[in-house]
N, C-alpha and C. Protein backbone atom coordinates (compact mmCIF):
# COMPACT_ATOMS: atom_id res chain seq x y z
N MET A 1 0.10 -35.63 -13.18
CA MET A 1 -0.44 -36.86 -13.70
C MET A 1 0.72 -37.70 -14.22
N SER A 2 0.69 -38.98 -13.87
CA SER A 2 1.77 -39.87 -14.28
C SER A 2 1.68 -40.13 -15.79
N PRO A 3 2.82 -40.41 -16.41
CA PRO A 3 2.80 -40.72 -17.85
C PRO A 3 1.90 -41.91 -18.18
N ARG A 4 1.88 -42.88 -17.30
CA ARG A 4 1.05 -44.06 -17.53
C ARG A 4 -0.43 -43.69 -17.56
N ARG A 5 -0.87 -42.85 -16.61
CA ARG A 5 -2.27 -42.41 -16.59
C ARG A 5 -2.58 -41.55 -17.80
N MET A 6 -1.63 -40.71 -18.20
CA MET A 6 -1.84 -39.87 -19.37
C MET A 6 -2.05 -40.75 -20.60
N TRP A 7 -1.21 -41.74 -20.79
CA TRP A 7 -1.34 -42.64 -21.94
C TRP A 7 -2.65 -43.38 -21.89
N LEU A 8 -3.05 -43.81 -20.70
CA LEU A 8 -4.33 -44.50 -20.57
C LEU A 8 -5.46 -43.58 -21.01
N GLY A 9 -5.41 -42.33 -20.57
CA GLY A 9 -6.44 -41.37 -20.97
C GLY A 9 -6.47 -41.16 -22.47
N VAL A 10 -5.30 -41.04 -23.07
CA VAL A 10 -5.21 -40.86 -24.52
C VAL A 10 -5.75 -42.09 -25.23
N MET A 11 -5.35 -43.27 -24.74
CA MET A 11 -5.82 -44.50 -25.37
C MET A 11 -7.33 -44.61 -25.29
N MET A 12 -7.87 -44.31 -24.15
CA MET A 12 -9.32 -44.41 -23.98
C MET A 12 -10.05 -43.39 -24.85
N SER A 13 -9.47 -42.20 -24.99
CA SER A 13 -10.10 -41.19 -25.84
C SER A 13 -10.14 -41.64 -27.28
N ILE A 14 -9.02 -42.15 -27.75
CA ILE A 14 -8.97 -42.61 -29.14
C ILE A 14 -9.85 -43.84 -29.32
N LEU A 15 -9.81 -44.74 -28.35
CA LEU A 15 -10.66 -45.91 -28.45
C LEU A 15 -12.13 -45.53 -28.45
N ALA A 16 -12.51 -44.61 -27.59
CA ALA A 16 -13.91 -44.18 -27.55
C ALA A 16 -14.30 -43.59 -28.90
N GLY A 17 -13.41 -42.82 -29.47
CA GLY A 17 -13.69 -42.26 -30.78
C GLY A 17 -13.80 -43.32 -31.84
N GLY A 18 -12.92 -44.30 -31.77
CA GLY A 18 -12.96 -45.38 -32.74
C GLY A 18 -14.21 -46.22 -32.59
N LEU A 19 -14.57 -46.51 -31.37
CA LEU A 19 -15.81 -47.25 -31.17
C LEU A 19 -17.00 -46.44 -31.64
N ALA A 20 -16.89 -45.14 -31.52
CA ALA A 20 -17.96 -44.28 -32.01
C ALA A 20 -18.14 -44.45 -33.50
N LEU A 21 -17.03 -44.55 -34.20
CA LEU A 21 -17.11 -44.73 -35.64
C LEU A 21 -17.63 -46.11 -36.01
N ALA A 22 -17.39 -47.07 -35.14
CA ALA A 22 -17.73 -48.44 -35.46
C ALA A 22 -19.21 -48.75 -35.38
N GLY A 23 -19.98 -47.88 -34.76
CA GLY A 23 -21.40 -48.18 -34.68
C GLY A 23 -22.19 -47.05 -34.07
N PRO A 24 -23.48 -47.00 -34.35
CA PRO A 24 -24.32 -45.94 -33.81
C PRO A 24 -24.67 -46.20 -32.36
N GLY A 25 -25.10 -45.15 -31.69
CA GLY A 25 -25.58 -45.32 -30.33
C GLY A 25 -25.17 -44.18 -29.43
N THR A 26 -25.71 -44.20 -28.24
CA THR A 26 -25.41 -43.19 -27.25
C THR A 26 -25.03 -43.88 -25.97
N HIS A 27 -23.97 -43.45 -25.37
CA HIS A 27 -23.57 -44.01 -24.09
C HIS A 27 -24.17 -43.14 -23.00
N PRO A 28 -24.95 -43.72 -22.11
CA PRO A 28 -25.70 -42.91 -21.15
C PRO A 28 -24.83 -42.09 -20.21
N ARG A 29 -23.63 -42.54 -19.91
CA ARG A 29 -22.81 -41.78 -18.97
C ARG A 29 -22.05 -40.64 -19.62
N HIS A 30 -21.89 -40.68 -20.91
CA HIS A 30 -21.07 -39.67 -21.57
C HIS A 30 -21.88 -38.58 -22.26
N GLY A 31 -23.11 -38.85 -22.50
CA GLY A 31 -23.95 -37.86 -23.18
C GLY A 31 -23.55 -37.69 -24.62
N GLY A 32 -24.52 -37.48 -25.46
CA GLY A 32 -24.24 -37.30 -26.87
C GLY A 32 -23.97 -38.64 -27.54
N SER A 33 -24.04 -38.60 -28.85
CA SER A 33 -23.83 -39.84 -29.59
C SER A 33 -22.35 -40.14 -29.73
N ARG A 34 -22.07 -41.39 -30.07
CA ARG A 34 -20.69 -41.79 -30.31
C ARG A 34 -20.09 -40.95 -31.45
N GLU A 35 -20.92 -40.66 -32.44
CA GLU A 35 -20.44 -39.87 -33.57
C GLU A 35 -20.01 -38.47 -33.13
N ASP A 36 -20.79 -37.88 -32.21
CA ASP A 36 -20.42 -36.57 -31.69
C ASP A 36 -19.05 -36.60 -31.02
N ARG A 37 -18.82 -37.64 -30.21
CA ARG A 37 -17.53 -37.74 -29.51
C ARG A 37 -16.39 -37.95 -30.51
N MET A 38 -16.64 -38.76 -31.54
CA MET A 38 -15.60 -39.00 -32.54
C MET A 38 -15.30 -37.72 -33.30
N GLU A 39 -16.32 -36.97 -33.61
CA GLU A 39 -16.10 -35.71 -34.33
C GLU A 39 -15.27 -34.74 -33.49
N ARG A 40 -15.54 -34.67 -32.18
CA ARG A 40 -14.73 -33.81 -31.31
C ARG A 40 -13.27 -34.26 -31.31
N LEU A 41 -13.07 -35.57 -31.22
CA LEU A 41 -11.72 -36.10 -31.25
C LEU A 41 -11.06 -35.81 -32.60
N ALA A 42 -11.80 -36.00 -33.68
CA ALA A 42 -11.27 -35.75 -35.02
C ALA A 42 -10.85 -34.29 -35.16
N ARG A 43 -11.66 -33.38 -34.62
CA ARG A 43 -11.30 -31.95 -34.69
C ARG A 43 -10.05 -31.66 -33.86
N ARG A 44 -9.99 -32.23 -32.67
CA ARG A 44 -8.84 -31.97 -31.80
C ARG A 44 -7.54 -32.49 -32.40
N LEU A 45 -7.63 -33.63 -33.08
CA LEU A 45 -6.43 -34.21 -33.68
C LEU A 45 -6.25 -33.78 -35.13
N ASP A 46 -7.22 -33.06 -35.65
CA ASP A 46 -7.18 -32.60 -37.04
C ASP A 46 -7.03 -33.80 -37.98
N LEU A 47 -7.90 -34.79 -37.80
CA LEU A 47 -7.86 -35.98 -38.63
C LEU A 47 -8.36 -35.66 -40.03
N THR A 48 -7.72 -36.26 -41.00
CA THR A 48 -8.20 -36.14 -42.38
C THR A 48 -9.37 -37.08 -42.57
N GLU A 49 -10.11 -36.89 -43.65
CA GLU A 49 -11.21 -37.80 -43.95
C GLU A 49 -10.69 -39.22 -44.12
N GLY A 50 -9.54 -39.35 -44.75
CA GLY A 50 -8.95 -40.67 -44.93
C GLY A 50 -8.61 -41.33 -43.60
N GLN A 51 -8.10 -40.56 -42.65
CA GLN A 51 -7.80 -41.11 -41.33
C GLN A 51 -9.07 -41.53 -40.61
N LYS A 52 -10.12 -40.72 -40.73
CA LYS A 52 -11.39 -41.09 -40.09
C LYS A 52 -11.92 -42.40 -40.66
N VAL A 53 -11.86 -42.52 -41.98
CA VAL A 53 -12.33 -43.75 -42.63
C VAL A 53 -11.49 -44.93 -42.16
N ARG A 54 -10.18 -44.74 -42.13
CA ARG A 54 -9.28 -45.84 -41.73
C ARG A 54 -9.54 -46.25 -40.28
N MET A 55 -9.74 -45.27 -39.39
CA MET A 55 -10.02 -45.60 -37.99
C MET A 55 -11.34 -46.34 -37.87
N LYS A 56 -12.33 -45.92 -38.65
CA LYS A 56 -13.61 -46.63 -38.62
C LYS A 56 -13.41 -48.07 -39.04
N GLU A 57 -12.63 -48.30 -40.08
CA GLU A 57 -12.36 -49.66 -40.54
C GLU A 57 -11.65 -50.47 -39.45
N ILE A 58 -10.67 -49.84 -38.80
CA ILE A 58 -9.91 -50.52 -37.75
C ILE A 58 -10.84 -50.95 -36.62
N PHE A 59 -11.66 -50.03 -36.15
CA PHE A 59 -12.51 -50.36 -35.01
C PHE A 59 -13.65 -51.31 -35.39
N GLU A 60 -14.13 -51.22 -36.60
CA GLU A 60 -15.13 -52.20 -37.04
C GLU A 60 -14.49 -53.59 -37.07
N LYS A 61 -13.27 -53.67 -37.57
CA LYS A 61 -12.56 -54.94 -37.63
C LYS A 61 -12.34 -55.50 -36.23
N HIS A 62 -11.87 -54.66 -35.32
CA HIS A 62 -11.61 -55.14 -33.96
C HIS A 62 -12.91 -55.51 -33.24
N ARG A 63 -13.95 -54.75 -33.49
CA ARG A 63 -15.23 -55.08 -32.86
C ARG A 63 -15.70 -56.46 -33.34
N SER A 64 -15.56 -56.74 -34.63
CA SER A 64 -16.01 -58.03 -35.15
C SER A 64 -15.05 -59.16 -34.79
N GLU A 65 -13.80 -58.84 -34.54
CA GLU A 65 -12.80 -59.87 -34.25
C GLU A 65 -12.62 -60.15 -32.76
N GLY A 66 -13.34 -59.49 -31.90
CA GLY A 66 -13.18 -59.84 -30.50
C GLY A 66 -13.48 -58.73 -29.51
N LEU A 67 -13.32 -57.49 -29.92
CA LEU A 67 -13.54 -56.38 -28.98
C LEU A 67 -14.99 -56.35 -28.51
N GLY A 68 -15.93 -56.50 -29.43
CA GLY A 68 -17.34 -56.49 -29.05
C GLY A 68 -17.70 -57.65 -28.13
N ASP A 69 -17.19 -58.85 -28.46
CA ASP A 69 -17.45 -60.02 -27.62
C ASP A 69 -16.80 -59.86 -26.25
N ALA A 70 -15.58 -59.34 -26.22
CA ALA A 70 -14.89 -59.15 -24.95
C ALA A 70 -15.64 -58.14 -24.08
N ALA A 71 -16.16 -57.09 -24.69
CA ALA A 71 -16.92 -56.09 -23.94
C ALA A 71 -18.19 -56.71 -23.37
N GLU A 72 -18.86 -57.52 -24.15
CA GLU A 72 -20.10 -58.17 -23.67
C GLU A 72 -19.79 -59.15 -22.53
N ARG A 73 -18.71 -59.92 -22.68
CA ARG A 73 -18.33 -60.85 -21.60
C ARG A 73 -17.99 -60.10 -20.32
N ALA A 74 -17.29 -58.98 -20.45
CA ALA A 74 -16.93 -58.18 -19.26
C ALA A 74 -18.18 -57.61 -18.60
N ARG A 75 -19.12 -57.10 -19.40
CA ARG A 75 -20.38 -56.58 -18.84
C ARG A 75 -21.14 -57.68 -18.12
N ALA A 76 -21.24 -58.84 -18.75
CA ALA A 76 -21.98 -59.95 -18.14
C ALA A 76 -21.31 -60.41 -16.84
N ALA A 77 -19.98 -60.47 -16.84
CA ALA A 77 -19.27 -60.89 -15.63
C ALA A 77 -19.45 -59.87 -14.50
N ARG A 78 -19.42 -58.58 -14.84
CA ARG A 78 -19.66 -57.55 -13.80
C ARG A 78 -21.08 -57.63 -13.27
N ARG A 79 -22.03 -57.87 -14.17
CA ARG A 79 -23.43 -57.99 -13.77
C ARG A 79 -23.62 -59.19 -12.84
N ASP A 80 -23.01 -60.33 -13.19
CA ASP A 80 -23.11 -61.52 -12.34
C ASP A 80 -22.49 -61.27 -10.97
N LEU A 81 -21.35 -60.61 -10.95
CA LEU A 81 -20.69 -60.29 -9.68
C LEU A 81 -21.57 -59.37 -8.85
N ARG A 82 -22.10 -58.35 -9.48
CA ARG A 82 -22.96 -57.39 -8.76
C ARG A 82 -24.18 -58.11 -8.18
N ASP A 83 -24.77 -59.02 -8.95
CA ASP A 83 -25.92 -59.77 -8.46
C ASP A 83 -25.56 -60.60 -7.23
N LEU A 84 -24.40 -61.25 -7.28
CA LEU A 84 -23.99 -62.06 -6.12
C LEU A 84 -23.67 -61.19 -4.91
N ILE A 85 -23.03 -60.07 -5.13
CA ILE A 85 -22.70 -59.17 -4.02
C ILE A 85 -23.97 -58.75 -3.29
N HIS A 86 -25.03 -58.54 -4.02
CA HIS A 86 -26.29 -58.07 -3.43
C HIS A 86 -27.23 -59.21 -3.01
N ASP A 87 -26.76 -60.44 -3.14
CA ASP A 87 -27.57 -61.59 -2.73
C ASP A 87 -27.12 -62.03 -1.34
N PRO A 88 -27.91 -61.77 -0.31
CA PRO A 88 -27.49 -62.12 1.05
C PRO A 88 -27.30 -63.62 1.27
N GLU A 89 -27.84 -64.43 0.39
CA GLU A 89 -27.71 -65.88 0.53
C GLU A 89 -26.52 -66.44 -0.24
N ALA A 90 -25.83 -65.61 -1.00
CA ALA A 90 -24.69 -66.09 -1.78
C ALA A 90 -23.52 -66.44 -0.85
N ALA A 91 -22.82 -67.50 -1.20
CA ALA A 91 -21.65 -67.91 -0.42
C ALA A 91 -20.45 -67.04 -0.79
N ASP A 92 -19.59 -66.81 0.17
CA ASP A 92 -18.38 -66.03 -0.07
C ASP A 92 -17.56 -66.61 -1.22
N ALA A 93 -17.48 -67.93 -1.28
CA ALA A 93 -16.71 -68.59 -2.34
C ALA A 93 -17.29 -68.27 -3.71
N ASP A 94 -18.62 -68.18 -3.81
CA ASP A 94 -19.25 -67.85 -5.08
C ASP A 94 -18.94 -66.42 -5.49
N VAL A 95 -18.96 -65.52 -4.53
CA VAL A 95 -18.63 -64.12 -4.81
C VAL A 95 -17.17 -64.01 -5.26
N ARG A 96 -16.29 -64.71 -4.55
CA ARG A 96 -14.87 -64.70 -4.91
C ARG A 96 -14.66 -65.24 -6.33
N GLU A 97 -15.32 -66.32 -6.67
CA GLU A 97 -15.19 -66.91 -8.01
C GLU A 97 -15.73 -65.96 -9.07
N ALA A 98 -16.85 -65.32 -8.79
CA ALA A 98 -17.42 -64.35 -9.74
C ALA A 98 -16.48 -63.16 -9.90
N ALA A 99 -15.83 -62.75 -8.83
CA ALA A 99 -14.88 -61.64 -8.91
C ALA A 99 -13.69 -62.02 -9.79
N LYS A 100 -13.24 -63.25 -9.67
CA LYS A 100 -12.13 -63.71 -10.51
C LYS A 100 -12.54 -63.71 -11.98
N ARG A 101 -13.75 -64.22 -12.26
CA ARG A 101 -14.24 -64.23 -13.65
C ARG A 101 -14.37 -62.80 -14.19
N SER A 102 -14.84 -61.90 -13.35
CA SER A 102 -14.98 -60.50 -13.77
C SER A 102 -13.60 -59.89 -14.07
N ALA A 103 -12.65 -60.16 -13.20
CA ALA A 103 -11.30 -59.62 -13.40
C ALA A 103 -10.68 -60.18 -14.68
N GLU A 104 -10.88 -61.45 -14.92
CA GLU A 104 -10.33 -62.07 -16.13
C GLU A 104 -10.98 -61.49 -17.39
N ALA A 105 -12.29 -61.31 -17.34
CA ALA A 105 -13.00 -60.73 -18.49
C ALA A 105 -12.56 -59.29 -18.72
N SER A 106 -12.34 -58.55 -17.64
CA SER A 106 -11.86 -57.17 -17.77
C SER A 106 -10.45 -57.13 -18.36
N ALA A 107 -9.61 -58.06 -17.95
CA ALA A 107 -8.25 -58.13 -18.50
C ALA A 107 -8.29 -58.46 -19.99
N ASP A 108 -9.16 -59.40 -20.38
CA ASP A 108 -9.29 -59.74 -21.80
C ASP A 108 -9.75 -58.51 -22.59
N LEU A 109 -10.70 -57.77 -22.04
CA LEU A 109 -11.18 -56.56 -22.71
C LEU A 109 -10.07 -55.53 -22.83
N ALA A 110 -9.27 -55.38 -21.78
CA ALA A 110 -8.17 -54.42 -21.83
C ALA A 110 -7.18 -54.77 -22.94
N VAL A 111 -6.90 -56.04 -23.10
CA VAL A 111 -5.98 -56.47 -24.17
C VAL A 111 -6.59 -56.17 -25.54
N GLU A 112 -7.87 -56.46 -25.71
CA GLU A 112 -8.53 -56.17 -26.99
C GLU A 112 -8.52 -54.66 -27.26
N ARG A 113 -8.79 -53.87 -26.25
CA ARG A 113 -8.76 -52.41 -26.42
C ARG A 113 -7.36 -51.94 -26.79
N HIS A 114 -6.37 -52.52 -26.13
CA HIS A 114 -4.98 -52.15 -26.43
C HIS A 114 -4.64 -52.44 -27.89
N ARG A 115 -5.04 -53.60 -28.37
CA ARG A 115 -4.77 -53.97 -29.76
C ARG A 115 -5.42 -52.97 -30.73
N ALA A 116 -6.67 -52.63 -30.45
CA ALA A 116 -7.38 -51.68 -31.31
C ALA A 116 -6.70 -50.31 -31.24
N PHE A 117 -6.34 -49.87 -30.04
CA PHE A 117 -5.69 -48.58 -29.89
C PHE A 117 -4.36 -48.54 -30.64
N ALA A 118 -3.57 -49.57 -30.46
CA ALA A 118 -2.25 -49.58 -31.10
C ALA A 118 -2.38 -49.46 -32.61
N GLU A 119 -3.34 -50.16 -33.17
CA GLU A 119 -3.52 -50.07 -34.62
C GLU A 119 -4.04 -48.69 -35.03
N ALA A 120 -4.99 -48.15 -34.26
CA ALA A 120 -5.53 -46.82 -34.57
C ALA A 120 -4.46 -45.75 -34.42
N PHE A 121 -3.61 -45.87 -33.42
CA PHE A 121 -2.56 -44.88 -33.18
C PHE A 121 -1.59 -44.83 -34.36
N SER A 122 -1.42 -45.97 -35.04
CA SER A 122 -0.49 -46.01 -36.17
C SER A 122 -0.97 -45.18 -37.35
N VAL A 123 -2.26 -44.83 -37.35
CA VAL A 123 -2.83 -44.03 -38.44
C VAL A 123 -2.45 -42.56 -38.28
N LEU A 124 -2.11 -42.15 -37.05
CA LEU A 124 -1.82 -40.74 -36.78
C LEU A 124 -0.44 -40.34 -37.27
N THR A 125 -0.31 -39.09 -37.65
CA THR A 125 0.99 -38.53 -38.00
C THR A 125 1.77 -38.28 -36.71
N PRO A 126 3.08 -38.08 -36.79
CA PRO A 126 3.84 -37.77 -35.57
C PRO A 126 3.28 -36.55 -34.82
N GLU A 127 2.85 -35.53 -35.55
CA GLU A 127 2.29 -34.35 -34.91
C GLU A 127 0.97 -34.68 -34.19
N GLN A 128 0.14 -35.48 -34.83
CA GLN A 128 -1.12 -35.87 -34.21
C GLN A 128 -0.88 -36.74 -32.98
N ARG A 129 0.14 -37.56 -33.05
CA ARG A 129 0.48 -38.39 -31.88
C ARG A 129 0.87 -37.52 -30.70
N GLU A 130 1.65 -36.51 -30.96
CA GLU A 130 2.03 -35.57 -29.89
C GLU A 130 0.81 -34.86 -29.35
N ARG A 131 -0.08 -34.43 -30.23
CA ARG A 131 -1.30 -33.76 -29.80
C ARG A 131 -2.15 -34.72 -28.97
N ALA A 132 -2.23 -35.98 -29.40
CA ALA A 132 -3.02 -36.98 -28.67
C ALA A 132 -2.47 -37.19 -27.27
N LYS A 133 -1.16 -37.13 -27.13
CA LYS A 133 -0.56 -37.29 -25.81
C LYS A 133 -1.02 -36.21 -24.84
N SER A 134 -1.33 -35.05 -25.36
CA SER A 134 -1.75 -33.95 -24.48
C SER A 134 -3.23 -34.03 -24.10
N LEU A 135 -3.99 -34.86 -24.80
CA LEU A 135 -5.41 -35.02 -24.47
C LEU A 135 -5.55 -35.88 -23.22
N LYS A 136 -6.33 -35.43 -22.30
CA LYS A 136 -6.54 -36.21 -21.09
C LYS A 136 -7.84 -36.97 -21.16
N ARG A 137 -8.83 -36.32 -21.75
CA ARG A 137 -10.14 -36.92 -21.82
C ARG A 137 -10.98 -36.17 -22.84
N LEU A 138 -11.83 -36.91 -23.54
CA LEU A 138 -12.74 -36.26 -24.49
C LEU A 138 -13.80 -35.47 -23.78
């Protein structure tokens, strides 16, 4: 596995855990509640209660400052693209434009996720950071 893919996996794991702390709910593809996933991550990284609280604060802040909106825009853009792809009467130009909007929304979401991850990663000790690097997926 390339270092870039490994870091992406680690970032997504920590982000998923942080988002889990930021709000209740269950993601249908992952099974279990967000809290369950965060607790697994917390155990694997041996997070202190203070670190868990701080990560929750970080992800709540990022969700309110743009991460939640960026995620909704990306979902809506993907939904619009999917609808056009499956519409036999849609023009190719419309599909292409929707694909561009979807890609842009996904890029915006990636930047927001990166910002949240970078801040959450700063909460970890050097040892926890090394342990996080070894995690591939929650």
